[in-house]
């Protein structure tokens, strides 16, 4: 659990930092892009 919690924070921080590179105009025009999940299956949680 502690390792996964740290990794989950890395995922979230990476998403935030990359979206923060967009200018205000780019962000308003295109909207935030989520990072998604790896290893997804149909009808998962």
ModelCIF file with pLDDT and N, C-alpha, C, O atoms, coordinates in Angstrom:
data_MODEL
#
_entry.id   MODEL 
#
_entity.id                         1 
_entity.type                       polymer 
_entity.pdbx_number_of_molecules   1 
#
_entity_poly.entity_id                      1 
_entity_poly.type                           'polypeptide(L)' 
_entity_poly.nstd_linkage                   no 
_entity_poly.nstd_monomer                   no 
_entity_poly.pdbx_seq_one_letter_code       
;(UNK)(UNK)(UNK)(UNK)(UNK)(UNK)(UNK)(UNK)(UNK)(UNK)(UNK)(UNK)(UNK)(UNK)(UNK)(UNK)
(UNK)(UNK)(UNK)(UNK)(UNK)(UNK)(UNK)(UNK)(UNK)(UNK)(UNK)(UNK)(UNK)(UNK)(UNK)(UNK)
(UNK)(UNK)(UNK)(UNK)(UNK)(UNK)(UNK)(UNK)(UNK)(UNK)(UNK)(UNK)(UNK)
;
_entity_poly.pdbx_seq_one_letter_code_can   XXXXXXXXXXXXXXXXXXXXXXXXXXXXXXXXXXXXXXXXXXXXX 
_entity_poly.pdbx_strand_id                 A 
#
loop_
_entity_poly_seq.entity_id 
_entity_poly_seq.num 
_entity_poly_seq.mon_id 
_entity_poly_seq.hetero 
1 1  UNK n 
1 2  UNK n 
1 3  UNK n 
1 4  UNK n 
1 5  UNK n 
1 6  UNK n 
1 7  UNK n 
1 8  UNK n 
1 9  UNK n 
1 10 UNK n 
1 11 UNK n 
1 12 UNK n 
1 13 UNK n 
1 14 UNK n 
1 15 UNK n 
1 16 UNK n 
1 17 UNK n 
1 18 UNK n 
1 19 UNK n 
1 20 UNK n 
1 21 UNK n 
1 22 UNK n 
1 23 UNK n 
1 24 UNK n 
1 25 UNK n 
1 26 UNK n 
1 27 UNK n 
1 28 UNK n 
1 29 UNK n 
1 30 UNK n 
1 31 UNK n 
1 32 UNK n 
1 33 UNK n 
1 34 UNK n 
1 35 UNK n 
1 36 UNK n 
1 37 UNK n 
1 38 UNK n 
1 39 UNK n 
1 40 UNK n 
1 41 UNK n 
1 42 UNK n 
1 43 UNK n 
1 44 UNK n 
1 45 UNK n 
#
_struct_asym.id          A 
_struct_asym.entity_id   1 
#
loop_
_ma_qa_metric.id 
_ma_qa_metric.mode 
_ma_qa_metric.name 
_ma_qa_metric.software_group_id 
_ma_qa_metric.type 
1 global pLDDT . pLDDT 
2 local  pLDDT . pLDDT 
#
_ma_qa_metric_global.metric_id      1 
_ma_qa_metric_global.metric_value   95.09 
_ma_qa_metric_global.model_id       1 
_ma_qa_metric_global.ordinal_id     1 
#
loop_
_ma_qa_metric_local.label_asym_id 
_ma_qa_metric_local.label_comp_id 
_ma_qa_metric_local.label_seq_id 
_ma_qa_metric_local.metric_id 
_ma_qa_metric_local.metric_value 
_ma_qa_metric_local.model_id 
_ma_qa_metric_local.ordinal_id 
A UNK 1  2 91.00 1 1  
A UNK 2  2 93.00 1 2  
A UNK 3  2 95.00 1 3  
A UNK 4  2 95.00 1 4  
A UNK 5  2 95.00 1 5  
A UNK 6  2 96.00 1 6  
A UNK 7  2 97.00 1 7  
A UNK 8  2 95.00 1 8  
A UNK 9  2 97.00 1 9  
A UNK 10 2 97.00 1 10 
A UNK 11 2 97.00 1 11 
A UNK 12 2 96.00 1 12 
A UNK 13 2 98.00 1 13 
A UNK 14 2 98.00 1 14 
A UNK 15 2 97.00 1 15 
A UNK 16 2 97.00 1 16 
A UNK 17 2 98.00 1 17 
A UNK 18 2 98.00 1 18 
A UNK 19 2 97.00 1 19 
A UNK 20 2 97.00 1 20 
A UNK 21 2 97.00 1 21 
A UNK 22 2 97.00 1 22 
A UNK 23 2 96.00 1 23 
A UNK 24 2 95.00 1 24 
A UNK 25 2 96.00 1 25 
A UNK 26 2 96.00 1 26 
A UNK 27 2 96.00 1 27 
A UNK 28 2 96.00 1 28 
A UNK 29 2 96.00 1 29 
A UNK 30 2 96.00 1 30 
A UNK 31 2 96.00 1 31 
A UNK 32 2 96.00 1 32 
A UNK 33 2 97.00 1 33 
A UNK 34 2 95.00 1 34 
A UNK 35 2 96.00 1 35 
A UNK 36 2 94.00 1 36 
A UNK 37 2 93.00 1 37 
A UNK 38 2 93.00 1 38 
A UNK 39 2 91.00 1 39 
A UNK 40 2 91.00 1 40 
A UNK 41 2 89.00 1 41 
A UNK 42 2 88.00 1 42 
A UNK 43 2 90.00 1 43 
A UNK 44 2 92.00 1 44 
A UNK 45 2 93.00 1 45 
#
loop_
_atom_site.group_PDB 
_atom_site.id 
_atom_site.type_symbol 
_atom_site.label_atom_id 
_atom_site.label_alt_id 
_atom_site.label_comp_id 
_atom_site.label_asym_id 
_atom_site.label_entity_id 
_atom_site.label_seq_id 
_atom_site.pdbx_PDB_ins_code 
_atom_site.Cartn_x 
_atom_site.Cartn_y 
_atom_site.Cartn_z 
_atom_site.occupancy 
_atom_site.B_iso_or_equiv 
_atom_site.pdbx_formal_charge 
_atom_site.auth_seq_id 
_atom_site.auth_comp_id 
_atom_site.auth_asym_id 
_atom_site.auth_atom_id 
_atom_site.pdbx_PDB_model_num 
ATOM 1   N N  . UNK A 1 1  ? 0.804   -1.229 0.000   1.00 91.00 ? 1  UNK A N  1 
ATOM 2   C CA . UNK A 1 1  ? 0.000   0.000  0.000   1.00 91.00 ? 1  UNK A CA 1 
ATOM 3   C C  . UNK A 1 1  ? 0.839   1.282  0.000   1.00 91.00 ? 1  UNK A C  1 
ATOM 4   O O  . UNK A 1 1  ? 0.530   2.186  -0.776  1.00 91.00 ? 1  UNK A O  1 
ATOM 5   N N  . UNK A 1 2  ? 1.885   1.409  0.829   1.00 93.00 ? 2  UNK A N  1 
ATOM 6   C CA . UNK A 1 2  ? 2.655   2.661  0.815   1.00 93.00 ? 2  UNK A CA 1 
ATOM 7   C C  . UNK A 1 2  ? 3.316   2.934  -0.545  1.00 93.00 ? 2  UNK A C  1 
ATOM 8   O O  . UNK A 1 2  ? 3.355   4.076  -1.001  1.00 93.00 ? 2  UNK A O  1 
ATOM 9   N N  . UNK A 1 3  ? 3.830   1.888  -1.181  1.00 95.00 ? 3  UNK A N  1 
ATOM 10  C CA . UNK A 1 3  ? 4.471   2.074  -2.491  1.00 95.00 ? 3  UNK A CA 1 
ATOM 11  C C  . UNK A 1 3  ? 3.437   2.493  -3.530  1.00 95.00 ? 3  UNK A C  1 
ATOM 12  O O  . UNK A 1 3  ? 3.682   3.400  -4.326  1.00 95.00 ? 3  UNK A O  1 
ATOM 13  N N  . UNK A 1 4  ? 2.286   1.835  -3.520  1.00 95.00 ? 4  UNK A N  1 
ATOM 14  C CA . UNK A 1 4  ? 1.235   2.163  -4.489  1.00 95.00 ? 4  UNK A CA 1 
ATOM 15  C C  . UNK A 1 4  ? 0.700   3.573  -4.265  1.00 95.00 ? 4  UNK A C  1 
ATOM 16  O O  . UNK A 1 4  ? 0.376   4.275  -5.223  1.00 95.00 ? 4  UNK A O  1 
ATOM 17  N N  . UNK A 1 5  ? 0.608   3.988  -3.005  1.00 95.00 ? 5  UNK A N  1 
ATOM 18  C CA . UNK A 1 5  ? 0.141   5.345  -2.717  1.00 95.00 ? 5  UNK A CA 1 
ATOM 19  C C  . UNK A 1 5  ? 1.111   6.378  -3.293  1.00 95.00 ? 5  UNK A C  1 
ATOM 20  O O  . UNK A 1 5  ? 0.686   7.390  -3.851  1.00 95.00 ? 5  UNK A O  1 
ATOM 21  N N  . UNK A 1 6  ? 2.406   6.120  -3.157  1.00 96.00 ? 6  UNK A N  1 
ATOM 22  C CA . UNK A 1 6  ? 3.406   7.037  -3.707  1.00 96.00 ? 6  UNK A CA 1 
ATOM 23  C C  . UNK A 1 6  ? 3.340   7.058  -5.236  1.00 96.00 ? 6  UNK A C  1 
ATOM 24  O O  . UNK A 1 6  ? 3.441   8.117  -5.855  1.00 96.00 ? 6  UNK A O  1 
ATOM 25  N N  . UNK A 1 7  ? 3.168   5.870  -5.840  1.00 97.00 ? 7  UNK A N  1 
ATOM 26  C CA . UNK A 1 7  ? 3.084   5.793  -7.300  1.00 97.00 ? 7  UNK A CA 1 
ATOM 27  C C  . UNK A 1 7  ? 1.833   6.505  -7.797  1.00 97.00 ? 7  UNK A C  1 
ATOM 28  O O  . UNK A 1 7  ? 1.884   7.207  -8.807  1.00 97.00 ? 7  UNK A O  1 
ATOM 29  N N  . UNK A 1 8  ? 0.720   6.336  -7.108  1.00 95.00 ? 8  UNK A N  1 
ATOM 30  C CA . UNK A 1 8  ? -0.510  7.023  -7.504  1.00 95.00 ? 8  UNK A CA 1 
ATOM 31  C C  . UNK A 1 8  ? -0.329  8.537  -7.464  1.00 95.00 ? 8  UNK A C  1 
ATOM 32  O O  . UNK A 1 8  ? -0.862  9.257  -8.308  1.00 95.00 ? 8  UNK A O  1 
ATOM 33  N N  . UNK A 1 9  ? 0.426   9.011  -6.478  1.00 97.00 ? 9  UNK A N  1 
ATOM 34  C CA . UNK A 1 9  ? 0.691   10.454 -6.395  1.00 97.00 ? 9  UNK A CA 1 
ATOM 35  C C  . UNK A 1 9  ? 1.570   10.902 -7.559  1.00 97.00 ? 9  UNK A C  1 
ATOM 36  O O  . UNK A 1 9  ? 1.381   11.996 -8.091  1.00 97.00 ? 9  UNK A O  1 
ATOM 37  N N  . UNK A 1 10 ? 2.524   10.071 -7.959  1.00 97.00 ? 10 UNK A N  1 
ATOM 38  C CA . UNK A 1 10 ? 3.342   10.404 -9.121  1.00 97.00 ? 10 UNK A CA 1 
ATOM 39  C C  . UNK A 1 10 ? 2.482   10.531 -10.370 1.00 97.00 ? 10 UNK A C  1 
ATOM 40  O O  . UNK A 1 10 ? 2.659   11.459 -11.159 1.00 97.00 ? 10 UNK A O  1 
ATOM 41  N N  . UNK A 1 11 ? 1.552   9.600  -10.549 1.00 97.00 ? 11 UNK A N  1 
ATOM 42  C CA . UNK A 1 11 ? 0.642   9.664  -11.700 1.00 97.00 ? 11 UNK A CA 1 
ATOM 43  C C  . UNK A 1 11 ? -0.125  10.987 -11.697 1.00 97.00 ? 11 UNK A C  1 
ATOM 44  O O  . UNK A 1 11 ? -0.199  11.683 -12.709 1.00 97.00 ? 11 UNK A O  1 
ATOM 45  N N  . UNK A 1 12 ? -0.687  11.310 -10.550 1.00 96.00 ? 12 UNK A N  1 
ATOM 46  C CA . UNK A 1 12 ? -1.514  12.520 -10.461 1.00 96.00 ? 12 UNK A CA 1 
ATOM 47  C C  . UNK A 1 12 ? -0.671  13.773 -10.654 1.00 96.00 ? 12 UNK A C  1 
ATOM 48  O O  . UNK A 1 12 ? -1.088  14.696 -11.354 1.00 96.00 ? 12 UNK A O  1 
ATOM 49  N N  . UNK A 1 13 ? 0.497   13.815 -10.049 1.00 98.00 ? 13 UNK A N  1 
ATOM 50  C CA . UNK A 1 13 ? 1.359   14.996 -10.183 1.00 98.00 ? 13 UNK A CA 1 
ATOM 51  C C  . UNK A 1 13 ? 1.842   15.156 -11.620 1.00 98.00 ? 13 UNK A C  1 
ATOM 52  O O  . UNK A 1 13 ? 1.932   16.279 -12.116 1.00 98.00 ? 13 UNK A O  1 
ATOM 53  N N  . UNK A 1 14 ? 2.153   14.052 -12.294 1.00 98.00 ? 14 UNK A N  1 
ATOM 54  C CA . UNK A 1 14 ? 2.563   14.132 -13.699 1.00 98.00 ? 14 UNK A CA 1 
ATOM 55  C C  . UNK A 1 14 ? 1.432   14.711 -14.548 1.00 98.00 ? 14 UNK A C  1 
ATOM 56  O O  . UNK A 1 14 ? 1.665   15.562 -15.407 1.00 98.00 ? 14 UNK A O  1 
ATOM 57  N N  . UNK A 1 15 ? 0.224   14.251 -14.305 1.00 97.00 ? 15 UNK A N  1 
ATOM 58  C CA . UNK A 1 15 ? -0.928  14.783 -15.032 1.00 97.00 ? 15 UNK A CA 1 
ATOM 59  C C  . UNK A 1 15 ? -1.080  16.282 -14.785 1.00 97.00 ? 15 UNK A C  1 
ATOM 60  O O  . UNK A 1 15 ? -1.301  17.049 -15.723 1.00 97.00 ? 15 UNK A O  1 
ATOM 61  N N  . UNK A 1 16 ? -0.963  16.697 -13.533 1.00 97.00 ? 16 UNK A N  1 
ATOM 62  C CA . UNK A 1 16 ? -1.117  18.120 -13.211 1.00 97.00 ? 16 UNK A CA 1 
ATOM 63  C C  . UNK A 1 16 ? -0.019  18.963 -13.854 1.00 97.00 ? 16 UNK A C  1 
ATOM 64  O O  . UNK A 1 16 ? -0.297  20.024 -14.413 1.00 97.00 ? 16 UNK A O  1 
ATOM 65  N N  . UNK A 1 17 ? 1.224   18.497 -13.776 1.00 98.00 ? 17 UNK A N  1 
ATOM 66  C CA . UNK A 1 17 ? 2.346   19.288 -14.297 1.00 98.00 ? 17 UNK A CA 1 
ATOM 67  C C  . UNK A 1 17 ? 2.295   19.409 -15.818 1.00 98.00 ? 17 UNK A C  1 
ATOM 68  O O  . UNK A 1 17 ? 2.607   20.469 -16.359 1.00 98.00 ? 17 UNK A O  1 
ATOM 69  N N  . UNK A 1 18 ? 1.908   18.340 -16.515 1.00 98.00 ? 18 UNK A N  1 
ATOM 70  C CA . UNK A 1 18 ? 1.836   18.420 -17.973 1.00 98.00 ? 18 UNK A CA 1 
ATOM 71  C C  . UNK A 1 18 ? 0.674   19.290 -18.425 1.00 98.00 ? 18 UNK A C  1 
ATOM 72  O O  . UNK A 1 18 ? 0.805   20.027 -19.401 1.00 98.00 ? 18 UNK A O  1 
ATOM 73  N N  . UNK A 1 19 ? -0.458  19.219 -17.737 1.00 97.00 ? 19 UNK A N  1 
ATOM 74  C CA . UNK A 1 19 ? -1.582  20.088 -18.091 1.00 97.00 ? 19 UNK A CA 1 
ATOM 75  C C  . UNK A 1 19 ? -1.280  21.548 -17.772 1.00 97.00 ? 19 UNK A C  1 
ATOM 76  O O  . UNK A 1 19 ? -1.800  22.455 -18.421 1.00 97.00 ? 19 UNK A O  1 
ATOM 77  N N  . UNK A 1 20 ? -0.429  21.767 -16.762 1.00 97.00 ? 20 UNK A N  1 
ATOM 78  C CA . UNK A 1 20 ? -0.082  23.134 -16.386 1.00 97.00 ? 20 UNK A CA 1 
ATOM 79  C C  . UNK A 1 20 ? 0.765   23.835 -17.441 1.00 97.00 ? 20 UNK A C  1 
ATOM 80  O O  . UNK A 1 20 ? 0.885   25.060 -17.418 1.00 97.00 ? 20 UNK A O  1 
ATOM 81  N N  . UNK A 1 21 ? 1.359   23.075 -18.371 1.00 97.00 ? 21 UNK A N  1 
ATOM 82  C CA . UNK A 1 21 ? 2.145   23.684 -19.441 1.00 97.00 ? 21 UNK A CA 1 
ATOM 83  C C  . UNK A 1 21 ? 1.270   24.438 -20.450 1.00 97.00 ? 21 UNK A C  1 
ATOM 84  O O  . UNK A 1 21 ? 1.759   25.312 -21.165 1.00 97.00 ? 21 UNK A O  1 
ATOM 85  N N  . UNK A 1 22 ? -0.014  24.100 -20.505 1.00 97.00 ? 22 UNK A N  1 
ATOM 86  C CA . UNK A 1 22 ? -0.905  24.747 -21.466 1.00 97.00 ? 22 UNK A CA 1 
ATOM 87  C C  . UNK A 1 22 ? -1.155  26.198 -21.070 1.00 97.00 ? 22 UNK A C  1 
ATOM 88  O O  . UNK A 1 22 ? -1.275  26.512 -19.886 1.00 97.00 ? 22 UNK A O  1 
ATOM 89  N N  . UNK A 1 23 ? -1.232  27.068 -22.050 1.00 96.00 ? 23 UNK A N  1 
ATOM 90  C CA . UNK A 1 23 ? -1.596  28.457 -21.789 1.00 96.00 ? 23 UNK A CA 1 
ATOM 91  C C  . UNK A 1 23 ? -3.082  28.518 -21.436 1.00 96.00 ? 23 UNK A C  1 
ATOM 92  O O  . UNK A 1 23 ? -3.824  27.558 -21.643 1.00 96.00 ? 23 UNK A O  1 
ATOM 93  N N  . UNK A 1 24 ? -3.496  29.656 -20.902 1.00 95.00 ? 24 UNK A N  1 
ATOM 94  C CA . UNK A 1 24 ? -4.917  29.822 -20.549 1.00 95.00 ? 24 UNK A CA 1 
ATOM 95  C C  . UNK A 1 24 ? -5.805  29.636 -21.773 1.00 95.00 ? 24 UNK A C  1 
ATOM 96  O O  . UNK A 1 24 ? -6.876  29.035 -21.689 1.00 95.00 ? 24 UNK A O  1 
ATOM 97  N N  . UNK A 1 25 ? -5.359  30.147 -22.893 1.00 96.00 ? 25 UNK A N  1 
ATOM 98  C CA . UNK A 1 25 ? -6.158  30.029 -24.123 1.00 96.00 ? 25 UNK A CA 1 
ATOM 99  C C  . UNK A 1 25 ? -6.248  28.563 -24.559 1.00 96.00 ? 25 UNK A C  1 
ATOM 100 O O  . UNK A 1 25 ? -7.320  28.088 -24.934 1.00 96.00 ? 25 UNK A O  1 
ATOM 101 N N  . UNK A 1 26 ? -5.123  27.854 -24.509 1.00 96.00 ? 26 UNK A N  1 
ATOM 102 C CA . UNK A 1 26 ? -5.137  26.433 -24.876 1.00 96.00 ? 26 UNK A CA 1 
ATOM 103 C C  . UNK A 1 26 ? -6.032  25.628 -23.942 1.00 96.00 ? 26 UNK A C  1 
ATOM 104 O O  . UNK A 1 26 ? -6.773  24.747 -24.379 1.00 96.00 ? 26 UNK A O  1 
ATOM 105 N N  . UNK A 1 27 ? -5.954  25.942 -22.644 1.00 96.00 ? 27 UNK A N  1 
ATOM 106 C CA . UNK A 1 27 ? -6.745  25.193 -21.667 1.00 96.00 ? 27 UNK A CA 1 
ATOM 107 C C  . UNK A 1 27 ? -8.233  25.439 -21.876 1.00 96.00 ? 27 UNK A C  1 
ATOM 108 O O  . UNK A 1 27 ? -9.033  24.505 -21.819 1.00 96.00 ? 27 UNK A O  1 
ATOM 109 N N  . UNK A 1 28 ? -8.605  26.686 -22.118 1.00 96.00 ? 28 UNK A N  1 
ATOM 110 C CA . UNK A 1 28 ? -10.024 27.009 -22.325 1.00 96.00 ? 28 UNK A CA 1 
ATOM 111 C C  . UNK A 1 28 ? -10.546 26.388 -23.616 1.00 96.00 ? 28 UNK A C  1 
ATOM 112 O O  . UNK A 1 28 ? -11.695 25.949 -23.677 1.00 96.00 ? 28 UNK A O  1 
ATOM 113 N N  . UNK A 1 29 ? -9.720  26.351 -24.627 1.00 96.00 ? 29 UNK A N  1 
ATOM 114 C CA . UNK A 1 29 ? -10.161 25.848 -25.924 1.00 96.00 ? 29 UNK A CA 1 
ATOM 115 C C  . UNK A 1 29 ? -10.286 24.330 -25.937 1.00 96.00 ? 29 UNK A C  1 
ATOM 116 O O  . UNK A 1 29 ? -11.235 23.795 -26.510 1.00 96.00 ? 29 UNK A O  1 
ATOM 117 N N  . UNK A 1 30 ? -9.348  23.635 -25.319 1.00 96.00 ? 30 UNK A N  1 
ATOM 118 C CA . UNK A 1 30 ? -9.306  22.180 -25.447 1.00 96.00 ? 30 UNK A CA 1 
ATOM 119 C C  . UNK A 1 30 ? -9.708  21.432 -24.175 1.00 96.00 ? 30 UNK A C  1 
ATOM 120 O O  . UNK A 1 30 ? -10.122 20.275 -24.250 1.00 96.00 ? 30 UNK A O  1 
ATOM 121 N N  . UNK A 1 31 ? -9.594  22.069 -23.020 1.00 96.00 ? 31 UNK A N  1 
ATOM 122 C CA . UNK A 1 31 ? -9.953  21.397 -21.780 1.00 96.00 ? 31 UNK A CA 1 
ATOM 123 C C  . UNK A 1 31 ? -8.863  20.454 -21.293 1.00 96.00 ? 31 UNK A C  1 
ATOM 124 O O  . UNK A 1 31 ? -7.955  20.092 -22.041 1.00 96.00 ? 31 UNK A O  1 
ATOM 125 N N  . UNK A 1 32 ? -8.966  20.068 -20.041 1.00 96.00 ? 32 UNK A N  1 
ATOM 126 C CA . UNK A 1 32 ? -7.961  19.227 -19.399 1.00 96.00 ? 32 UNK A CA 1 
ATOM 127 C C  . UNK A 1 32 ? -7.965  17.826 -20.012 1.00 96.00 ? 32 UNK A C  1 
ATOM 128 O O  . UNK A 1 32 ? -9.023  17.277 -20.320 1.00 96.00 ? 32 UNK A O  1 
ATOM 129 N N  . UNK A 1 33 ? -6.762  17.254 -20.186 1.00 97.00 ? 33 UNK A N  1 
ATOM 130 C CA . UNK A 1 33 ? -6.633  15.887 -20.690 1.00 97.00 ? 33 UNK A CA 1 
ATOM 131 C C  . UNK A 1 33 ? -6.212  14.982 -19.536 1.00 97.00 ? 33 UNK A C  1 
ATOM 132 O O  . UNK A 1 33 ? -5.107  15.136 -19.018 1.00 97.00 ? 33 UNK A O  1 
ATOM 133 N N  . UNK A 1 34 ? -7.063  14.041 -19.119 1.00 95.00 ? 34 UNK A N  1 
ATOM 134 C CA . UNK A 1 34 ? -6.688  13.121 -18.032 1.00 95.00 ? 34 UNK A CA 1 
ATOM 135 C C  . UNK A 1 34 ? -5.656  12.115 -18.487 1.00 95.00 ? 34 UNK A C  1 
ATOM 136 O O  . UNK A 1 34 ? -5.558  11.802 -19.674 1.00 95.00 ? 34 UNK A O  1 
ATOM 137 N N  . UNK A 1 35 ? -4.888  11.611 -17.539 1.00 96.00 ? 35 UNK A N  1 
ATOM 138 C CA . UNK A 1 35 ? -3.811  10.682 -17.872 1.00 96.00 ? 35 UNK A CA 1 
ATOM 139 C C  . UNK A 1 35 ? -4.341  9.277  -18.128 1.00 96.00 ? 35 UNK A C  1 
ATOM 140 O O  . UNK A 1 35 ? -3.691  8.486  -18.811 1.00 96.00 ? 35 UNK A O  1 
ATOM 141 N N  . UNK A 1 36 ? -5.508  8.961  -17.590 1.00 94.00 ? 36 UNK A N  1 
ATOM 142 C CA . UNK A 1 36 ? -6.074  7.631  -17.807 1.00 94.00 ? 36 UNK A CA 1 
ATOM 143 C C  . UNK A 1 36 ? -5.429  6.581  -16.911 1.00 94.00 ? 36 UNK A C  1 
ATOM 144 O O  . UNK A 1 36 ? -4.660  6.905  -16.006 1.00 94.00 ? 36 UNK A O  1 
ATOM 145 N N  . UNK A 1 37 ? -5.749  5.340  -17.173 1.00 93.00 ? 37 UNK A N  1 
ATOM 146 C CA . UNK A 1 37 ? -5.244  4.212  -16.392 1.00 93.00 ? 37 UNK A CA 1 
ATOM 147 C C  . UNK A 1 37 ? -4.582  3.211  -17.315 1.00 93.00 ? 37 UNK A C  1 
ATOM 148 O O  . UNK A 1 37 ? -4.910  3.125  -18.499 1.00 93.00 ? 37 UNK A O  1 
ATOM 149 N N  . UNK A 1 38 ? -3.652  2.459  -16.764 1.00 93.00 ? 38 UNK A N  1 
ATOM 150 C CA . UNK A 1 38 ? -2.988  1.406  -17.516 1.00 93.00 ? 38 UNK A CA 1 
ATOM 151 C C  . UNK A 1 38 ? -3.601  0.066  -17.120 1.00 93.00 ? 38 UNK A C  1 
ATOM 152 O O  . UNK A 1 38 ? -3.935  -0.145 -15.954 1.00 93.00 ? 38 UNK A O  1 
ATOM 153 N N  . UNK A 1 39 ? -3.748  -0.838 -18.084 1.00 91.00 ? 39 UNK A N  1 
ATOM 154 C CA . UNK A 1 39 ? -4.287  -2.160 -17.786 1.00 91.00 ? 39 UNK A CA 1 
ATOM 155 C C  . UNK A 1 39 ? -5.785  -2.182 -17.599 1.00 91.00 ? 39 UNK A C  1 
ATOM 156 O O  . UNK A 1 39 ? -6.304  -3.014 -16.855 1.00 91.00 ? 39 UNK A O  1 
ATOM 157 N N  . UNK A 1 40 ? -6.494  -1.277 -18.267 1.00 91.00 ? 40 UNK A N  1 
ATOM 158 C CA . UNK A 1 40 ? -7.958  -1.233 -18.143 1.00 91.00 ? 40 UNK A CA 1 
ATOM 159 C C  . UNK A 1 40 ? -8.611  -2.436 -18.808 1.00 91.00 ? 40 UNK A C  1 
ATOM 160 O O  . UNK A 1 40 ? -8.099  -2.971 -19.792 1.00 91.00 ? 40 UNK A O  1 
ATOM 161 N N  . UNK A 1 41 ? -9.769  -2.863 -18.248 1.00 89.00 ? 41 UNK A N  1 
ATOM 162 C CA . UNK A 1 41 ? -10.605 -3.903 -18.831 1.00 89.00 ? 41 UNK A CA 1 
ATOM 163 C C  . UNK A 1 41 ? -12.021 -3.367 -18.974 1.00 89.00 ? 41 UNK A C  1 
ATOM 164 O O  . UNK A 1 41 ? -12.401 -2.400 -18.314 1.00 89.00 ? 41 UNK A O  1 
ATOM 165 N N  . UNK A 1 42 ? -12.796 -4.006 -19.842 1.00 88.00 ? 42 UNK A N  1 
ATOM 166 C CA . UNK A 1 42 ? -14.184 -3.585 -20.025 1.00 88.00 ? 42 UNK A CA 1 
ATOM 167 C C  . UNK A 1 42 ? -14.969 -3.809 -18.736 1.00 88.00 ? 42 UNK A C  1 
ATOM 168 O O  . UNK A 1 42 ? -14.836 -4.850 -18.093 1.00 88.00 ? 42 UNK A O  1 
ATOM 169 N N  . UNK A 1 43 ? -15.785 -2.831 -18.363 1.00 90.00 ? 43 UNK A N  1 
ATOM 170 C CA . UNK A 1 43 ? -16.664 -2.922 -17.205 1.00 90.00 ? 43 UNK A CA 1 
ATOM 171 C C  . UNK A 1 43 ? -15.894 -3.158 -15.900 1.00 90.00 ? 43 UNK A C  1 
ATOM 172 O O  . UNK A 1 43 ? -16.343 -3.900 -15.027 1.00 90.00 ? 43 UNK A O  1 
ATOM 173 N N  . UNK A 1 44 ? -14.730 -2.515 -15.783 1.00 92.00 ? 44 UNK A N  1 
ATOM 174 C CA . UNK A 1 44 ? -13.986 -2.626 -14.544 1.00 92.00 ? 44 UNK A CA 1 
ATOM 175 C C  . UNK A 1 44 ? -14.453 -1.557 -13.559 1.00 92.00 ? 44 UNK A C  1 
ATOM 176 O O  . UNK A 1 44 ? -15.396 -0.818 -13.842 1.00 92.00 ? 44 UNK A O  1 
ATOM 177 N N  . UNK A 1 45 ? -13.796 -1.475 -12.409 1.00 93.00 ? 45 UNK A N  1 
ATOM 178 C CA . UNK A 1 45 ? -14.233 -0.541 -11.376 1.00 93.00 ? 45 UNK A CA 1 
ATOM 179 C C  . UNK A 1 45 ? -14.115 0.917  -11.822 1.00 93.00 ? 45 UNK A C  1 
ATOM 180 O O  . UNK A 1 45 ? -14.446 1.824  -11.059 1.00 93.00 ? 45 UNK A O  1 
#
